N, C-alpha and C. Protein backbone atom coordinates (compact mmCIF):
# COMPACT_ATOMS: atom_id res chain seq x y z
N MET A 1 -2.34 -10.50 -12.38
CA MET A 1 -2.16 -9.13 -11.92
C MET A 1 -1.96 -8.22 -13.12
N ASN A 2 -2.72 -7.09 -13.18
CA ASN A 2 -2.56 -6.18 -14.30
C ASN A 2 -1.37 -5.25 -14.09
N SER A 3 -1.06 -4.47 -15.12
CA SER A 3 0.13 -3.62 -15.07
C SER A 3 0.04 -2.56 -13.99
N GLY A 4 -1.17 -2.00 -13.82
CA GLY A 4 -1.34 -0.97 -12.79
C GLY A 4 -1.07 -1.52 -11.40
N ALA A 5 -1.60 -2.71 -11.11
CA ALA A 5 -1.39 -3.33 -9.80
C ALA A 5 0.09 -3.67 -9.60
N ALA A 6 0.76 -4.14 -10.66
CA ALA A 6 2.19 -4.45 -10.56
C ALA A 6 2.99 -3.20 -10.24
N LEU A 7 2.63 -2.08 -10.87
CA LEU A 7 3.32 -0.82 -10.60
C LEU A 7 3.11 -0.39 -9.15
N VAL A 8 1.88 -0.48 -8.67
CA VAL A 8 1.59 -0.07 -7.29
C VAL A 8 2.35 -0.94 -6.30
N GLU A 9 2.42 -2.25 -6.55
CA GLU A 9 3.17 -3.12 -5.65
C GLU A 9 4.65 -2.74 -5.63
N ALA A 10 5.23 -2.46 -6.80
CA ALA A 10 6.63 -2.04 -6.84
C ALA A 10 6.83 -0.72 -6.11
N TYR A 11 5.91 0.20 -6.32
CA TYR A 11 5.98 1.52 -5.68
C TYR A 11 5.93 1.39 -4.16
N LEU A 12 5.00 0.61 -3.65
CA LEU A 12 4.90 0.45 -2.20
C LEU A 12 6.09 -0.33 -1.66
N ARG A 13 6.57 -1.30 -2.41
CA ARG A 13 7.71 -2.10 -1.96
C ARG A 13 8.94 -1.22 -1.76
N VAL A 14 9.24 -0.33 -2.71
CA VAL A 14 10.44 0.50 -2.56
C VAL A 14 10.24 1.58 -1.50
N ASN A 15 9.01 1.76 -1.04
CA ASN A 15 8.76 2.67 0.07
C ASN A 15 8.67 1.93 1.40
N GLY A 16 9.03 0.64 1.41
CA GLY A 16 9.17 -0.10 2.66
C GLY A 16 7.94 -0.84 3.15
N TYR A 17 6.94 -1.03 2.28
CA TYR A 17 5.72 -1.72 2.68
C TYR A 17 5.79 -3.21 2.37
N LEU A 18 5.14 -4.00 3.22
CA LEU A 18 4.88 -5.41 2.97
C LEU A 18 3.43 -5.53 2.53
N MET A 19 3.14 -6.47 1.61
CA MET A 19 1.83 -6.45 0.97
C MET A 19 1.12 -7.78 0.87
N LEU A 20 -0.20 -7.68 0.86
CA LEU A 20 -1.09 -8.73 0.37
C LEU A 20 -1.79 -8.14 -0.85
N ASP A 21 -2.06 -8.97 -1.85
CA ASP A 21 -2.77 -8.45 -3.01
C ASP A 21 -3.97 -9.34 -3.35
N GLU A 22 -4.95 -8.73 -3.98
CA GLU A 22 -6.15 -9.42 -4.45
C GLU A 22 -6.74 -10.30 -3.34
N VAL A 23 -7.05 -9.67 -2.21
CA VAL A 23 -7.57 -10.38 -1.04
C VAL A 23 -9.09 -10.52 -1.18
N PRO A 24 -9.62 -11.74 -1.33
CA PRO A 24 -11.08 -11.91 -1.45
C PRO A 24 -11.74 -11.83 -0.07
N LEU A 25 -12.86 -11.12 -0.01
CA LEU A 25 -13.65 -11.05 1.21
C LEU A 25 -14.92 -11.86 0.97
N VAL A 26 -15.05 -12.97 1.66
CA VAL A 26 -16.10 -13.95 1.39
C VAL A 26 -17.09 -14.00 2.55
N LEU A 27 -18.39 -14.06 2.21
CA LEU A 27 -19.46 -14.12 3.20
C LEU A 27 -20.38 -15.30 2.92
N PRO A 28 -21.06 -15.82 3.94
CA PRO A 28 -22.10 -16.83 3.68
C PRO A 28 -23.23 -16.23 2.84
N ASP A 29 -23.72 -16.98 1.89
CA ASP A 29 -24.87 -16.57 1.09
C ASP A 29 -26.12 -17.19 1.69
N GLU A 30 -26.86 -16.38 2.45
CA GLU A 30 -28.01 -16.91 3.19
C GLU A 30 -29.15 -17.32 2.27
N GLU A 31 -29.28 -16.69 1.10
CA GLU A 31 -30.37 -17.02 0.20
C GLU A 31 -30.07 -18.26 -0.64
N ALA A 32 -28.91 -18.29 -1.27
CA ALA A 32 -28.58 -19.38 -2.18
C ALA A 32 -27.84 -20.52 -1.49
N GLY A 33 -27.37 -20.28 -0.27
CA GLY A 33 -26.53 -21.27 0.38
C GLY A 33 -25.10 -21.13 -0.07
N GLY A 34 -24.18 -21.74 0.64
CA GLY A 34 -22.77 -21.63 0.28
C GLY A 34 -22.22 -20.27 0.66
N TYR A 35 -21.34 -19.74 -0.20
CA TYR A 35 -20.67 -18.47 0.08
C TYR A 35 -20.68 -17.60 -1.16
N ARG A 36 -20.50 -16.30 -0.93
CA ARG A 36 -20.39 -15.34 -2.03
C ARG A 36 -19.26 -14.37 -1.72
N THR A 37 -18.71 -13.76 -2.76
CA THR A 37 -17.66 -12.77 -2.59
C THR A 37 -18.27 -11.39 -2.44
N LEU A 38 -17.97 -10.74 -1.33
CA LEU A 38 -18.43 -9.37 -1.11
C LEU A 38 -17.65 -8.41 -2.01
N THR A 39 -16.33 -8.51 -2.00
CA THR A 39 -15.45 -7.73 -2.87
C THR A 39 -14.05 -8.29 -2.74
N ASP A 40 -13.16 -7.82 -3.58
CA ASP A 40 -11.73 -8.13 -3.46
C ASP A 40 -11.01 -6.85 -3.07
N LEU A 41 -10.04 -6.96 -2.19
CA LEU A 41 -9.18 -5.82 -1.85
C LEU A 41 -7.94 -5.92 -2.72
N ASP A 42 -7.74 -4.94 -3.60
CA ASP A 42 -6.62 -5.00 -4.54
C ASP A 42 -5.28 -5.05 -3.82
N ILE A 43 -5.12 -4.16 -2.84
CA ILE A 43 -3.84 -4.04 -2.13
C ILE A 43 -4.10 -3.83 -0.64
N MET A 44 -3.39 -4.57 0.19
CA MET A 44 -3.31 -4.29 1.62
C MET A 44 -1.83 -4.23 1.95
N ALA A 45 -1.37 -3.10 2.47
CA ALA A 45 0.06 -2.88 2.68
C ALA A 45 0.30 -2.39 4.10
N VAL A 46 1.39 -2.85 4.70
CA VAL A 46 1.76 -2.48 6.07
C VAL A 46 3.21 -2.03 6.09
N ARG A 47 3.46 -0.92 6.81
CA ARG A 47 4.82 -0.42 6.96
C ARG A 47 5.08 -0.09 8.42
N TRP A 48 6.17 -0.62 8.96
CA TRP A 48 6.57 -0.31 10.32
C TRP A 48 7.38 0.98 10.34
N PRO A 49 7.34 1.73 11.44
CA PRO A 49 7.98 3.06 11.44
C PRO A 49 9.50 3.04 11.39
N ASP A 50 10.15 1.95 11.77
CA ASP A 50 11.61 1.94 11.81
C ASP A 50 12.26 1.33 10.57
N VAL A 51 11.49 1.17 9.49
CA VAL A 51 12.04 0.61 8.25
C VAL A 51 13.12 1.54 7.70
N LYS A 52 14.25 0.95 7.30
CA LYS A 52 15.32 1.73 6.66
C LYS A 52 15.71 1.01 5.37
N MET A 53 15.69 1.77 4.27
CA MET A 53 16.10 1.23 2.99
C MET A 53 17.12 2.17 2.39
N GLY A 54 18.19 1.62 1.83
CA GLY A 54 19.23 2.47 1.25
C GLY A 54 20.51 1.70 1.08
N ALA A 55 21.59 2.42 0.77
CA ALA A 55 22.89 1.78 0.54
C ALA A 55 23.53 1.45 1.89
N PRO A 56 23.94 0.17 2.09
CA PRO A 56 24.57 -0.21 3.36
C PRO A 56 26.07 0.04 3.35
N ASP A 57 26.64 0.12 4.56
CA ASP A 57 28.10 0.14 4.68
C ASP A 57 28.61 -1.30 4.73
N ALA A 58 29.90 -1.47 5.00
CA ALA A 58 30.49 -2.82 4.99
C ALA A 58 29.90 -3.72 6.06
N GLU A 59 29.34 -3.13 7.11
CA GLU A 59 28.73 -3.91 8.19
C GLU A 59 27.26 -4.21 7.93
N GLY A 60 26.73 -3.69 6.82
CA GLY A 60 25.32 -3.91 6.51
C GLY A 60 24.38 -2.90 7.11
N ARG A 61 24.94 -1.87 7.77
CA ARG A 61 24.08 -0.83 8.37
C ARG A 61 23.70 0.20 7.32
N ILE A 62 22.45 0.63 7.36
CA ILE A 62 21.97 1.65 6.42
C ILE A 62 22.31 3.02 6.97
N LEU A 63 23.31 3.65 6.40
CA LEU A 63 23.75 4.95 6.91
C LEU A 63 23.06 6.11 6.19
N GLN A 64 22.66 5.89 4.96
CA GLN A 64 21.98 6.93 4.19
C GLN A 64 20.66 6.37 3.67
N PRO A 65 19.63 6.37 4.52
CA PRO A 65 18.36 5.77 4.09
C PRO A 65 17.71 6.55 2.96
N ILE A 66 16.98 5.83 2.13
CA ILE A 66 16.21 6.45 1.06
C ILE A 66 14.95 7.06 1.65
N ASP A 67 14.66 8.27 1.28
CA ASP A 67 13.43 8.91 1.75
C ASP A 67 12.22 8.31 1.05
N THR A 68 11.13 8.18 1.80
CA THR A 68 9.89 7.72 1.20
C THR A 68 9.27 8.83 0.36
N HIS A 69 8.41 8.46 -0.56
CA HIS A 69 7.76 9.42 -1.43
C HIS A 69 6.84 10.33 -0.61
N GLU A 70 7.00 11.63 -0.79
CA GLU A 70 6.23 12.57 0.02
C GLU A 70 4.73 12.43 -0.18
N LEU A 71 4.30 11.97 -1.36
CA LEU A 71 2.87 11.82 -1.61
C LEU A 71 2.24 10.76 -0.71
N LEU A 72 3.05 9.81 -0.24
CA LEU A 72 2.52 8.76 0.64
C LEU A 72 2.27 9.28 2.06
N ASP A 73 2.92 10.39 2.41
CA ASP A 73 2.70 10.98 3.74
C ASP A 73 2.89 9.92 4.83
N VAL A 74 4.02 9.20 4.76
CA VAL A 74 4.30 8.10 5.68
C VAL A 74 4.54 8.65 7.08
N PRO A 75 3.84 8.14 8.09
CA PRO A 75 4.05 8.62 9.45
C PRO A 75 5.39 8.16 10.01
N GLU A 76 6.02 8.99 10.83
CA GLU A 76 7.31 8.62 11.41
C GLU A 76 7.16 7.75 12.64
N ASN A 77 6.03 7.83 13.31
CA ASN A 77 5.91 7.20 14.63
C ASN A 77 4.72 6.25 14.73
N ALA A 78 4.30 5.69 13.60
CA ALA A 78 3.14 4.80 13.64
C ALA A 78 3.28 3.71 12.57
N ILE A 79 2.70 2.56 12.85
CA ILE A 79 2.54 1.53 11.82
C ILE A 79 1.49 2.06 10.84
N ASP A 80 1.82 2.01 9.56
CA ASP A 80 0.92 2.54 8.54
C ASP A 80 0.30 1.39 7.76
N VAL A 81 -1.01 1.38 7.68
CA VAL A 81 -1.73 0.35 6.93
C VAL A 81 -2.51 1.02 5.81
N ILE A 82 -2.29 0.55 4.59
CA ILE A 82 -3.00 1.07 3.41
C ILE A 82 -3.94 -0.02 2.89
N ILE A 83 -5.21 0.32 2.76
CA ILE A 83 -6.16 -0.51 2.03
C ILE A 83 -6.40 0.21 0.71
N GLY A 84 -5.98 -0.41 -0.40
CA GLY A 84 -5.93 0.31 -1.65
C GLY A 84 -6.72 -0.33 -2.77
N GLU A 85 -7.22 0.53 -3.63
CA GLU A 85 -7.90 0.11 -4.86
C GLU A 85 -7.04 0.60 -6.04
N VAL A 86 -6.81 -0.26 -7.02
CA VAL A 86 -5.97 0.09 -8.17
C VAL A 86 -6.82 0.11 -9.43
N LYS A 87 -6.79 1.24 -10.14
CA LYS A 87 -7.51 1.39 -11.40
C LYS A 87 -6.53 1.85 -12.48
N GLU A 88 -6.66 1.28 -13.67
CA GLU A 88 -5.87 1.79 -14.78
C GLU A 88 -6.57 2.96 -15.44
N GLY A 89 -7.82 3.23 -15.03
CA GLY A 89 -8.54 4.43 -15.43
C GLY A 89 -8.54 5.43 -14.28
N ARG A 90 -9.63 6.17 -14.15
CA ARG A 90 -9.73 7.19 -13.10
C ARG A 90 -9.61 6.56 -11.72
N ALA A 91 -8.81 7.18 -10.87
CA ALA A 91 -8.62 6.67 -9.51
C ALA A 91 -9.88 6.89 -8.69
N HIS A 92 -10.45 5.81 -8.16
CA HIS A 92 -11.61 5.93 -7.28
C HIS A 92 -11.75 4.65 -6.48
N LEU A 93 -12.58 4.69 -5.45
CA LEU A 93 -12.84 3.53 -4.63
C LEU A 93 -14.22 2.97 -4.96
N ASN A 94 -14.30 1.66 -5.16
CA ASN A 94 -15.60 1.03 -5.35
C ASN A 94 -16.45 1.16 -4.08
N ARG A 95 -17.75 1.19 -4.27
CA ARG A 95 -18.65 1.34 -3.12
C ARG A 95 -18.47 0.20 -2.11
N ALA A 96 -18.27 -1.02 -2.62
CA ALA A 96 -18.18 -2.17 -1.72
C ALA A 96 -17.02 -2.07 -0.75
N ILE A 97 -15.89 -1.53 -1.21
CA ILE A 97 -14.71 -1.45 -0.35
C ILE A 97 -14.91 -0.45 0.78
N ARG A 98 -15.87 0.48 0.61
CA ARG A 98 -16.10 1.51 1.61
C ARG A 98 -17.07 1.06 2.69
N SER A 99 -17.64 -0.10 2.56
CA SER A 99 -18.63 -0.55 3.55
C SER A 99 -17.92 -0.96 4.84
N PRO A 100 -18.50 -0.66 5.99
CA PRO A 100 -17.90 -1.08 7.26
C PRO A 100 -17.66 -2.59 7.34
N LYS A 101 -18.56 -3.37 6.72
CA LYS A 101 -18.40 -4.83 6.76
C LYS A 101 -17.12 -5.25 6.03
N ALA A 102 -16.90 -4.70 4.82
CA ALA A 102 -15.69 -5.04 4.06
C ALA A 102 -14.44 -4.56 4.78
N LEU A 103 -14.49 -3.35 5.31
CA LEU A 103 -13.33 -2.80 6.00
C LEU A 103 -13.00 -3.60 7.26
N ARG A 104 -14.04 -4.02 7.97
CA ARG A 104 -13.81 -4.84 9.16
C ARG A 104 -13.11 -6.14 8.79
N MET A 105 -13.56 -6.78 7.72
CA MET A 105 -12.95 -8.03 7.29
C MET A 105 -11.51 -7.81 6.86
N GLY A 106 -11.25 -6.70 6.17
CA GLY A 106 -9.89 -6.39 5.77
C GLY A 106 -8.99 -6.16 6.97
N LEU A 107 -9.48 -5.42 7.95
CA LEU A 107 -8.70 -5.16 9.15
C LEU A 107 -8.40 -6.45 9.91
N GLU A 108 -9.33 -7.37 9.91
CA GLU A 108 -9.09 -8.67 10.55
C GLU A 108 -7.97 -9.43 9.85
N ARG A 109 -7.90 -9.32 8.51
CA ARG A 109 -6.84 -10.02 7.76
C ARG A 109 -5.45 -9.51 8.15
N ILE A 110 -5.35 -8.21 8.41
CA ILE A 110 -4.07 -7.61 8.76
C ILE A 110 -3.74 -7.81 10.24
N GLY A 111 -4.78 -7.88 11.09
CA GLY A 111 -4.56 -8.04 12.52
C GLY A 111 -4.03 -6.80 13.19
N ILE A 112 -4.42 -5.64 12.68
CA ILE A 112 -3.90 -4.38 13.19
C ILE A 112 -4.73 -3.82 14.34
N CYS A 113 -5.95 -4.34 14.51
CA CYS A 113 -6.85 -3.85 15.55
C CYS A 113 -7.18 -4.96 16.53
N SER A 114 -7.41 -4.57 17.78
CA SER A 114 -7.95 -5.53 18.74
C SER A 114 -9.43 -5.74 18.43
N ASP A 115 -10.00 -6.81 18.99
CA ASP A 115 -11.42 -7.09 18.77
C ASP A 115 -12.29 -5.91 19.21
N LEU A 116 -11.87 -5.23 20.28
CA LEU A 116 -12.65 -4.11 20.79
C LEU A 116 -12.60 -2.89 19.87
N GLU A 117 -11.54 -2.81 19.03
CA GLU A 117 -11.37 -1.65 18.15
C GLU A 117 -11.97 -1.86 16.77
N LEU A 118 -12.23 -3.10 16.39
CA LEU A 118 -12.56 -3.41 15.00
C LEU A 118 -13.77 -2.65 14.47
N ASP A 119 -14.90 -2.75 15.15
CA ASP A 119 -16.13 -2.16 14.63
C ASP A 119 -16.02 -0.64 14.52
N ALA A 120 -15.50 0.00 15.56
CA ALA A 120 -15.39 1.46 15.56
C ALA A 120 -14.42 1.94 14.48
N THR A 121 -13.32 1.21 14.30
CA THR A 121 -12.33 1.60 13.29
C THR A 121 -12.90 1.45 11.89
N ALA A 122 -13.58 0.33 11.63
CA ALA A 122 -14.18 0.11 10.31
C ALA A 122 -15.25 1.16 10.03
N GLU A 123 -16.06 1.48 11.01
CA GLU A 123 -17.11 2.49 10.83
C GLU A 123 -16.50 3.85 10.53
N ALA A 124 -15.48 4.24 11.28
CA ALA A 124 -14.84 5.54 11.06
C ALA A 124 -14.16 5.60 9.70
N LEU A 125 -13.50 4.49 9.29
CA LEU A 125 -12.78 4.47 8.02
C LEU A 125 -13.73 4.50 6.83
N SER A 126 -14.97 4.08 7.03
CA SER A 126 -15.94 4.14 5.93
C SER A 126 -16.37 5.57 5.63
N GLU A 127 -16.01 6.51 6.51
CA GLU A 127 -16.44 7.90 6.36
C GLU A 127 -15.29 8.89 6.23
N GLN A 128 -14.06 8.45 6.49
CA GLN A 128 -12.93 9.38 6.44
C GLN A 128 -11.70 8.69 5.89
N ALA A 129 -10.73 9.51 5.47
CA ALA A 129 -9.57 9.00 4.75
C ALA A 129 -8.62 8.19 5.62
N VAL A 130 -8.51 8.55 6.89
CA VAL A 130 -7.52 7.91 7.76
C VAL A 130 -8.06 7.83 9.18
N VAL A 131 -7.73 6.74 9.85
CA VAL A 131 -8.07 6.55 11.26
C VAL A 131 -6.78 6.22 12.00
N ARG A 132 -6.54 6.93 13.07
CA ARG A 132 -5.32 6.69 13.87
C ARG A 132 -5.71 6.06 15.20
N LEU A 133 -4.97 5.01 15.56
CA LEU A 133 -5.22 4.27 16.80
C LEU A 133 -4.03 4.46 17.72
N GLU A 134 -4.27 5.00 18.89
CA GLU A 134 -3.19 5.38 19.79
C GLU A 134 -3.06 4.46 21.00
N ALA A 135 -3.86 3.40 21.08
CA ALA A 135 -3.92 2.61 22.31
C ALA A 135 -2.64 1.84 22.60
N SER A 136 -1.82 1.59 21.60
CA SER A 136 -0.58 0.85 21.83
C SER A 136 0.59 1.60 21.20
N ARG A 137 1.80 1.17 21.52
CA ARG A 137 2.99 1.77 20.95
C ARG A 137 3.77 0.71 20.17
N PRO A 138 4.15 0.98 18.91
CA PRO A 138 3.85 2.23 18.23
C PRO A 138 2.37 2.37 17.92
N ALA A 139 1.95 3.61 17.72
CA ALA A 139 0.58 3.86 17.30
C ALA A 139 0.35 3.22 15.93
N ARG A 140 -0.90 3.12 15.53
CA ARG A 140 -1.23 2.55 14.22
C ARG A 140 -2.17 3.50 13.49
N GLN A 141 -2.01 3.57 12.17
CA GLN A 141 -2.98 4.31 11.39
C GLN A 141 -3.39 3.48 10.18
N VAL A 142 -4.65 3.60 9.82
CA VAL A 142 -5.20 2.87 8.69
C VAL A 142 -5.81 3.88 7.75
N ARG A 143 -5.56 3.72 6.45
CA ARG A 143 -6.14 4.67 5.49
C ARG A 143 -6.50 4.00 4.19
N LEU A 144 -7.40 4.67 3.48
CA LEU A 144 -7.86 4.21 2.18
C LEU A 144 -7.15 5.01 1.10
N VAL A 145 -6.64 4.30 0.09
CA VAL A 145 -5.91 4.96 -1.00
C VAL A 145 -6.41 4.42 -2.33
N ALA A 146 -6.74 5.33 -3.24
CA ALA A 146 -7.10 4.97 -4.62
C ALA A 146 -5.92 5.30 -5.53
N PHE A 147 -5.44 4.31 -6.26
CA PHE A 147 -4.36 4.49 -7.22
C PHE A 147 -4.96 4.45 -8.62
N GLY A 148 -4.55 5.39 -9.48
CA GLY A 148 -5.07 5.38 -10.84
C GLY A 148 -4.69 6.65 -11.57
N ILE A 149 -5.51 7.00 -12.57
CA ILE A 149 -5.27 8.20 -13.35
C ILE A 149 -5.94 9.38 -12.64
N GLY A 150 -5.21 10.47 -12.53
CA GLY A 150 -5.76 11.65 -11.88
C GLY A 150 -4.69 12.42 -11.15
N THR A 151 -5.11 13.38 -10.34
CA THR A 151 -4.19 14.22 -9.59
C THR A 151 -4.03 13.66 -8.18
N SER A 152 -2.78 13.50 -7.74
CA SER A 152 -2.53 13.01 -6.39
C SER A 152 -2.99 14.05 -5.38
N ARG A 153 -3.75 13.59 -4.39
CA ARG A 153 -4.31 14.52 -3.40
C ARG A 153 -4.92 13.72 -2.26
N ARG A 154 -5.32 14.44 -1.21
CA ARG A 154 -6.09 13.82 -0.14
C ARG A 154 -7.48 14.43 -0.14
N THR A 155 -8.50 13.59 -0.13
CA THR A 155 -9.87 14.06 -0.03
C THR A 155 -10.37 13.75 1.38
N GLU A 156 -11.61 14.09 1.67
CA GLU A 156 -12.16 13.81 2.99
C GLU A 156 -12.29 12.30 3.24
N THR A 157 -12.49 11.54 2.16
CA THR A 157 -12.79 10.12 2.34
C THR A 157 -11.64 9.18 1.96
N HIS A 158 -10.63 9.67 1.23
CA HIS A 158 -9.53 8.80 0.84
C HIS A 158 -8.39 9.62 0.25
N TYR A 159 -7.25 8.97 0.13
CA TYR A 159 -6.11 9.54 -0.59
C TYR A 159 -6.18 9.08 -2.05
N VAL A 160 -5.64 9.91 -2.94
CA VAL A 160 -5.47 9.53 -4.35
C VAL A 160 -3.99 9.64 -4.68
N ILE A 161 -3.43 8.59 -5.26
CA ILE A 161 -2.05 8.64 -5.74
C ILE A 161 -2.05 8.26 -7.21
N SER A 162 -1.58 9.19 -8.03
CA SER A 162 -1.55 9.00 -9.48
C SER A 162 -0.53 7.93 -9.86
N LEU A 163 -0.90 7.05 -10.77
CA LEU A 163 0.04 6.06 -11.28
C LEU A 163 1.23 6.75 -11.95
N HIS A 164 0.99 7.89 -12.57
CA HIS A 164 2.08 8.64 -13.20
C HIS A 164 3.10 9.08 -12.16
N ASP A 165 2.62 9.62 -11.02
CA ASP A 165 3.54 10.04 -9.96
C ASP A 165 4.27 8.85 -9.36
N ALA A 166 3.56 7.73 -9.19
CA ALA A 166 4.19 6.53 -8.65
C ALA A 166 5.30 6.03 -9.57
N LEU A 167 5.03 6.02 -10.89
CA LEU A 167 6.03 5.54 -11.85
C LEU A 167 7.24 6.47 -11.87
N GLU A 168 7.02 7.76 -11.83
CA GLU A 168 8.14 8.71 -11.81
C GLU A 168 9.03 8.48 -10.61
N PHE A 169 8.43 8.26 -9.45
CA PHE A 169 9.21 8.03 -8.23
C PHE A 169 10.04 6.76 -8.36
N VAL A 170 9.42 5.68 -8.83
CA VAL A 170 10.12 4.41 -8.94
C VAL A 170 11.26 4.51 -9.97
N GLU A 171 10.99 5.14 -11.11
CA GLU A 171 12.04 5.29 -12.13
C GLU A 171 13.22 6.09 -11.60
N ASP A 172 12.94 7.20 -10.91
CA ASP A 172 14.01 8.03 -10.37
C ASP A 172 14.81 7.27 -9.32
N LEU A 173 14.12 6.54 -8.45
CA LEU A 173 14.80 5.78 -7.42
C LEU A 173 15.69 4.70 -8.03
N MET A 174 15.19 4.02 -9.05
CA MET A 174 15.98 2.96 -9.68
C MET A 174 17.22 3.52 -10.37
N ARG A 175 17.10 4.72 -10.94
CA ARG A 175 18.29 5.35 -11.54
C ARG A 175 19.33 5.66 -10.47
N ARG A 176 18.87 6.24 -9.35
CA ARG A 176 19.80 6.64 -8.29
C ARG A 176 20.42 5.44 -7.59
N ALA A 177 19.69 4.34 -7.53
CA ALA A 177 20.17 3.15 -6.81
C ALA A 177 20.86 2.15 -7.74
N HIS A 178 21.07 2.51 -8.99
CA HIS A 178 21.54 1.54 -9.98
C HIS A 178 22.86 0.90 -9.58
N GLU A 179 23.81 1.68 -9.09
CA GLU A 179 25.13 1.13 -8.74
C GLU A 179 25.01 0.11 -7.61
N VAL A 180 24.17 0.41 -6.64
CA VAL A 180 23.99 -0.50 -5.51
C VAL A 180 23.30 -1.79 -5.96
N LEU A 181 22.33 -1.66 -6.87
CA LEU A 181 21.53 -2.80 -7.30
C LEU A 181 22.18 -3.61 -8.42
N LEU A 182 23.24 -3.10 -9.01
CA LEU A 182 23.83 -3.72 -10.20
C LEU A 182 24.11 -5.22 -10.04
N PRO A 183 24.63 -5.68 -8.89
CA PRO A 183 24.90 -7.13 -8.76
C PRO A 183 23.63 -7.96 -8.56
N SER A 184 22.49 -7.31 -8.38
CA SER A 184 21.27 -8.03 -8.00
C SER A 184 20.44 -8.43 -9.20
N THR A 185 19.69 -9.51 -9.02
CA THR A 185 18.63 -9.90 -9.96
C THR A 185 17.31 -9.64 -9.26
N LEU A 186 16.47 -8.80 -9.83
CA LEU A 186 15.23 -8.39 -9.18
C LEU A 186 14.07 -9.19 -9.76
N SER A 187 13.33 -9.89 -8.90
CA SER A 187 12.23 -10.72 -9.38
C SER A 187 10.94 -9.93 -9.58
N ASP A 188 10.81 -8.77 -8.93
CA ASP A 188 9.64 -7.93 -9.15
C ASP A 188 9.60 -7.53 -10.62
N PRO A 189 8.48 -7.74 -11.33
CA PRO A 189 8.47 -7.50 -12.78
C PRO A 189 8.73 -6.04 -13.16
N VAL A 190 8.21 -5.10 -12.39
CA VAL A 190 8.41 -3.68 -12.71
C VAL A 190 9.84 -3.26 -12.38
N LEU A 191 10.28 -3.56 -11.17
CA LEU A 191 11.64 -3.19 -10.77
C LEU A 191 12.67 -3.92 -11.63
N GLY A 192 12.40 -5.19 -11.96
CA GLY A 192 13.32 -5.93 -12.80
C GLY A 192 13.47 -5.33 -14.18
N LEU A 193 12.35 -4.90 -14.77
CA LEU A 193 12.41 -4.29 -16.10
C LEU A 193 13.18 -2.97 -16.07
N LEU A 194 12.91 -2.14 -15.07
CA LEU A 194 13.61 -0.85 -14.97
C LEU A 194 15.10 -1.08 -14.69
N HIS A 195 15.40 -2.08 -13.89
CA HIS A 195 16.79 -2.41 -13.58
C HIS A 195 17.52 -2.85 -14.85
N LEU A 196 16.86 -3.70 -15.65
CA LEU A 196 17.47 -4.15 -16.91
C LEU A 196 17.66 -2.98 -17.86
N ARG A 197 16.67 -2.10 -17.96
CA ARG A 197 16.79 -0.94 -18.84
C ARG A 197 17.97 -0.07 -18.44
N ASN A 198 18.16 0.11 -17.13
CA ASN A 198 19.27 0.96 -16.68
C ASN A 198 20.63 0.35 -16.97
N LYS A 199 20.69 -0.98 -17.11
CA LYS A 199 21.95 -1.63 -17.47
C LYS A 199 22.37 -1.28 -18.89
N PHE A 200 21.41 -0.92 -19.74
CA PHE A 200 21.72 -0.62 -21.13
C PHE A 200 22.25 0.80 -21.31
N ARG A 201 22.16 1.61 -20.29
CA ARG A 201 22.54 3.03 -20.45
C ARG A 201 24.03 3.21 -20.30
């Protein structure tokens, strides 16, 4: 895993997401026989709407939850699924990840859509930044996000989140949470390094 991907995983983790990384999408190779890789999905992340992260009281209840990063535009009333591409250069999505076939396979890995929803959701997501599914409660939304160098924004076809903005958020959060985290050993390489650095201050 490269440094950019490690940063994105730490960023999504502190915003309450569960993740799969470097997910290979494999297809039969009809010409050569065997199988071939269509593409790899750098990040697949899922967040449930009732996630609470923050300092607990003596009973373990989170009374003052940490707010999620506003750039993520996390929905309050829906399961949020991010299919993400991570670049240490300019943030963009590879053409392969935008294909309905790749998106359908990714959605199957997460299990967020019923069989009846899969094709329509993959087709819609290949043309727009976010697709919302209202058939069940909580509702679900799926979106494409490019992480890398550039200005954080939403385009017609995907979201862009700057690695610089992600790092600033994580650094600020780790500073504010230092007292709570002080007894902990963090195995995440990015969070662990920032946690260790804050111990020296």
